[in-house]
Protein backbone atom coordinates (compact mmCIF):
# COMPACT_ATOMS: atom_id res chain seq x y z
CA UNK A 1 0.00 0.00 0.00
CA UNK A 2 1.67 3.21 -1.17
CA UNK A 3 2.03 6.29 1.01
CA UNK A 4 0.19 9.50 0.18
CA UNK A 5 1.97 12.55 -1.17
CA UNK A 6 0.60 16.08 -1.00
CA UNK A 7 -1.50 15.71 -4.15
CA UNK A 8 -3.00 12.29 -3.43
CA UNK A 9 -3.72 13.10 0.22
CA UNK A 10 -5.40 16.38 -0.69
CA UNK A 11 -7.67 14.49 -3.11
CA UNK A 12 -8.34 11.79 -0.50
CA UNK A 13 -9.27 14.29 2.21
CA UNK A 14 -11.01 16.69 -0.19
CA UNK A 15 -8.71 19.55 0.83
CA UNK A 16 -6.48 21.74 -1.30
CA UNK A 17 -2.78 20.81 -1.59
CA UNK A 18 -1.93 24.06 0.19
CA UNK A 19 -4.22 23.17 3.12
CA UNK A 20 -2.56 19.76 3.45
CA UNK A 21 0.91 21.30 3.27
CA UNK A 22 0.12 23.84 5.99
CA UNK A 23 -1.43 21.20 8.25
CA UNK A 24 1.65 19.01 7.84
CA UNK A 25 4.06 21.88 8.52
CA UNK A 26 2.13 22.80 11.67
CA UNK A 27 2.13 19.23 12.94
CA UNK A 28 -1.63 18.81 12.49
CA UNK A 29 -1.18 15.88 10.09
CA UNK A 30 1.14 12.90 10.65
CA UNK A 31 3.76 13.10 7.90
CA UNK A 32 7.47 13.21 7.21
CA UNK A 33 9.75 14.75 4.63
CA UNK A 34 11.63 12.33 2.39
CA UNK A 35 14.02 13.90 -0.10
CA UNK A 36 12.37 17.25 0.50
CA UNK A 37 8.89 15.89 -0.30
CA UNK A 38 6.07 15.22 2.15
CA UNK A 39 4.98 11.60 2.54
CA UNK A 40 2.03 10.36 4.61
CA UNK A 41 1.56 6.78 5.77
CA UNK A 42 -1.95 5.47 5.07
CA UNK A 43 -2.22 3.68 8.45
CA UNK A 44 -1.08 6.87 10.24
CA UNK A 45 -3.60 8.98 8.34
CA UNK A 46 -6.36 6.54 9.27
CA UNK A 47 -5.28 6.65 12.93
CA UNK A 48 -5.37 10.45 12.75
CA UNK A 49 -8.90 10.24 11.36
CA UNK A 50 -9.90 7.80 14.11
CA UNK A 51 -8.65 10.15 16.81
CA UNK A 52 -10.41 13.07 15.16
CA UNK A 53 -13.66 11.10 15.14
CA UNK A 54 -13.44 10.55 18.88
CA UNK A 55 -13.23 14.30 19.51
CA UNK A 56 -15.65 15.49 16.85
CA UNK A 57 -19.08 17.04 17.04
CA UNK A 58 -22.02 16.07 14.81
CA UNK A 59 -21.05 18.42 11.96
CA UNK A 60 -17.48 17.11 11.85
CA UNK A 61 -18.65 13.49 12.01
CA UNK A 62 -20.93 14.04 9.02
CA UNK A 63 -17.95 15.44 7.10
CA UNK A 64 -15.71 12.51 8.08
CA UNK A 65 -18.36 10.04 6.98
CA UNK A 66 -18.82 11.93 3.70
CA UNK A 67 -15.10 11.74 2.93
CA UNK A 68 -15.06 7.97 3.28
CA UNK A 69 -18.34 7.52 1.41
CA UNK A 70 -16.79 9.37 -1.54
CA UNK A 71 -13.68 7.21 -1.28
CA UNK A 72 -15.80 4.06 -1.11
CA UNK A 73 -17.70 5.03 -4.26
CA UNK A 74 -14.38 5.39 -6.08
CA UNK A 75 -13.51 1.87 -4.95
CA UNK A 76 -17.02 0.57 -5.82
CA UNK A 77 -17.73 -0.34 -2.19
CA UNK A 78 -21.42 -0.87 -1.42
CA UNK A 79 -23.23 1.58 0.86
CA UNK A 80 -24.10 0.23 4.27
CA UNK A 81 -25.98 1.15 7.42
CA UNK A 82 -25.44 0.16 11.02
CA UNK A 83 -28.38 -2.33 11.13
CA UNK A 84 -26.92 -4.13 8.09
CA UNK A 85 -23.74 -4.88 10.05
CA UNK A 86 -25.34 -5.42 13.46
CA UNK A 87 -27.36 -8.61 13.17
CA UNK A 88 -29.85 -9.32 15.94
CA UNK A 89 -28.02 -12.53 16.91
CA UNK A 90 -24.91 -10.43 17.64
CA UNK A 91 -26.73 -8.33 20.27
CA UNK A 92 -26.28 -9.60 23.82
CA UNK A 93 -28.46 -8.10 26.53
CA UNK A 94 -27.79 -8.55 29.31
CA UNK A 95 -24.10 -9.22 28.76
CA UNK A 96 -23.07 -11.13 31.88
CA UNK A 97 -19.66 -9.62 32.61
CA UNK A 98 -18.42 -7.41 35.43
CA UNK A 99 -14.81 -6.65 34.47
CA UNK A 100 -13.06 -5.17 31.45
CA UNK A 101 -11.31 -8.44 30.64
CA UNK A 102 -14.54 -10.43 30.87
CA UNK A 103 -16.47 -7.98 28.67
CA UNK A 104 -13.91 -8.16 25.86
CA UNK A 105 -13.47 -11.93 26.06
CA UNK A 106 -17.17 -12.68 26.33
CA UNK A 107 -18.40 -10.47 23.52
CA UNK A 108 -15.72 -11.84 21.17
CA UNK A 109 -16.61 -15.43 22.09
CA UNK A 110 -20.34 -14.85 21.69
CA UNK A 111 -19.97 -13.18 18.29
CA UNK A 112 -17.77 -16.10 17.23
CA UNK A 113 -20.57 -18.50 18.13
CA UNK A 114 -22.80 -16.83 15.52
CA UNK A 115 -20.13 -17.35 12.83
CA UNK A 116 -19.33 -13.67 12.28
CA UNK A 117 -15.88 -13.88 13.91
CA UNK A 118 -13.48 -16.74 13.21
CA UNK A 119 -10.67 -16.05 15.67
CA UNK A 120 -12.12 -14.66 18.92
CA UNK A 121 -8.94 -15.16 20.96
CA UNK A 122 -6.82 -13.13 18.53
CA UNK A 123 -9.48 -10.43 18.29
CA UNK A 124 -9.74 -10.18 22.10
CA UNK A 125 -5.96 -9.95 22.42
CA UNK A 126 -5.83 -7.20 19.78
CA UNK A 127 -8.59 -5.24 21.53
CA UNK A 128 -6.79 -5.51 24.87
CA UNK A 129 -3.66 -4.09 23.20
CA UNK A 130 -5.69 -1.24 21.72
CA UNK A 131 -7.33 -0.46 25.05
CA UNK A 132 -3.92 -0.39 26.75
CA UNK A 133 -2.82 2.36 24.36
CA UNK A 134 -5.96 4.46 24.71
CA UNK A 135 -9.31 3.38 26.21
CA UNK A 136 -12.26 3.53 23.81
CA UNK A 137 -14.77 4.22 26.61
CA UNK A 138 -16.63 7.50 26.20
CA UNK A 139 -18.25 9.76 28.77
CA UNK A 140 -21.74 8.69 27.73
CA UNK A 141 -21.19 5.12 28.95
CA UNK A 142 -20.37 3.62 25.53
CA UNK A 143 -17.17 1.84 24.48
CA UNK A 144 -16.26 1.22 20.83
CA UNK A 145 -14.16 -1.93 20.96
CA UNK A 146 -11.79 -2.55 18.05
CA UNK A 147 -8.19 -3.55 17.31
CA UNK A 148 -5.61 -1.00 16.17
CA UNK A 149 -5.69 -2.43 12.65
CA UNK A 150 -8.46 -4.29 10.82
CA UNK A 151 -8.17 -8.07 11.08
CA UNK A 152 -9.54 -9.26 7.75
CA UNK A 153 -8.18 -12.77 8.36
CA UNK A 154 -10.42 -13.11 11.43
CA UNK A 155 -13.76 -12.64 9.63
CA UNK A 156 -15.48 -13.12 6.30
CA UNK A 157 -17.10 -9.69 6.15
CA UNK A 158 -17.47 -6.59 8.34
CA UNK A 159 -19.73 -6.94 11.36
CA UNK A 160 -20.84 -5.22 14.54
CA UNK A 161 -21.51 -6.83 17.90
CA UNK A 162 -23.23 -5.18 20.86
CA UNK A 163 -23.27 -6.08 24.53
CA UNK A 164 -25.25 -4.25 27.23
CA UNK A 165 -24.43 -4.95 30.87
CA UNK A 166 -27.07 -4.56 33.56
CA UNK A 167 -24.92 -1.96 35.34
CA UNK A 168 -21.91 0.16 34.50
CA UNK A 169 -18.38 -1.13 35.02
CA UNK A 170 -14.99 0.62 35.15
CA UNK A 171 -13.63 0.62 31.60
CA UNK A 172 -11.19 3.51 31.51
CA UNK A 173 -13.75 6.17 30.69
CA UNK A 174 -13.00 9.87 31.23
CA UNK A 175 -13.23 11.13 34.81
CA UNK A 176 -13.92 7.60 36.04
CA UNK A 177 -17.33 7.30 34.36
CA UNK A 178 -18.73 3.78 34.10
CA UNK A 179 -19.53 1.92 30.88
CA UNK A 180 -22.48 -0.35 30.12
CA UNK A 181 -22.87 -0.32 26.30
CA UNK A 182 -20.14 -2.08 24.30
CA UNK A 183 -19.97 -2.09 20.51
CA UNK A 184 -17.52 -4.53 18.92
CA UNK A 185 -16.35 -3.29 15.51
CA UNK A 186 -15.06 -5.94 13.12
CA UNK A 187 -13.70 -4.37 9.92
CA UNK A 188 -11.93 -5.83 6.91
CA UNK A 189 -10.00 -2.68 5.95
CA UNK A 190 -9.19 0.81 7.24
CA UNK A 191 -11.70 2.67 5.08
CA UNK A 192 -14.59 0.42 6.14
CA UNK A 193 -13.53 0.75 9.77
CA UNK A 194 -13.56 4.54 9.69
CA UNK A 195 -16.88 4.72 7.84
CA UNK A 196 -18.43 2.47 10.52
CA UNK A 197 -16.79 4.42 13.34
CA UNK A 198 -17.96 7.78 11.99
CA UNK A 199 -21.56 6.65 11.52
CA UNK A 200 -21.70 4.80 14.82
CA UNK A 201 -20.28 7.84 16.61
CA UNK A 202 -23.08 9.97 15.17
CA UNK A 203 -25.66 7.46 16.36
CA UNK A 204 -24.41 7.26 19.95
CA UNK A 205 -24.23 11.02 20.32
CA UNK A 206 -28.02 10.94 20.73
CA UNK A 207 -28.74 10.51 24.48
CA UNK A 208 -32.30 9.37 23.84
CA UNK A 209 -31.03 6.49 21.69
CA UNK A 210 -28.74 5.29 24.47
CA UNK A 211 -31.59 5.52 26.98
CA UNK A 212 -33.78 3.43 24.68
CA UNK A 213 -31.03 0.81 24.28
CA UNK A 214 -30.68 0.57 28.07
CA UNK A 215 -34.44 0.30 28.56
CA UNK A 216 -35.04 -2.18 25.73
CA UNK A 217 -36.14 -5.69 26.57
CA UNK A 218 -33.87 -7.97 24.60
CA UNK A 219 -31.98 -7.97 21.29
CA UNK A 220 -35.05 -7.51 19.10
CA UNK A 221 -36.03 -4.23 20.73
CA UNK A 222 -32.45 -2.99 20.73
CA UNK A 223 -32.09 -3.72 17.01
CA UNK A 224 -35.32 -1.86 16.30
CA UNK A 225 -34.09 1.16 18.29
CA UNK A 226 -30.82 1.25 16.37
CA UNK A 227 -32.51 0.77 13.01
CA UNK A 228 -34.85 3.70 13.67
CA UNK A 229 -31.97 5.90 14.85
CA UNK A 230 -29.84 5.01 11.83
CA UNK A 231 -32.72 5.89 9.53
CA UNK A 232 -32.76 9.39 11.02
CA UNK A 233 -29.07 10.06 10.35
């Protein structure tokens, strides 16, 4: 996979070459000079996007999602919505786990039992490594579990899993907040991962949606809540 240069990255991000150059010179984009020319690693750019998603508001998330939708169309990738990736059999409520380790292990094992994930042990290990670098738990009680890099060898196609515990548990959230809603993101490549993350982040920014998920009685009701919320995006 080739690195970006100024021209290809500006087209990818839908910015002008001058905007990309200034952002790189000011340290706002991860890049390096090689032979006097800027070069940008694709994995590093995707990590930068991921971090931006975590700190974005609704308007910025819409823009992030738009960028990757445009890129996907260029690569003839089908459009998708959250309910298409989150099958009802991959929703576990209540998720019977009371520690961080148990949550990660259990949700990976349970998704594997439905056939969506082939290597639950490797996925759980990768998620633990990602969490050690930077917890994915948010202040609203949601965690977005995923490895640092997509693990295409561990699944046949992208999927989402969801576990809801009966009470919040310590998961590394900001200011010690507890977490009770856990999305497991299984992606086959970086672009798919970021499209899912951007759309899912928009969905969970709606407090009423999270309240409905917590109040729902079983996977069927939770899936219906998420499908309705996704339709509104």
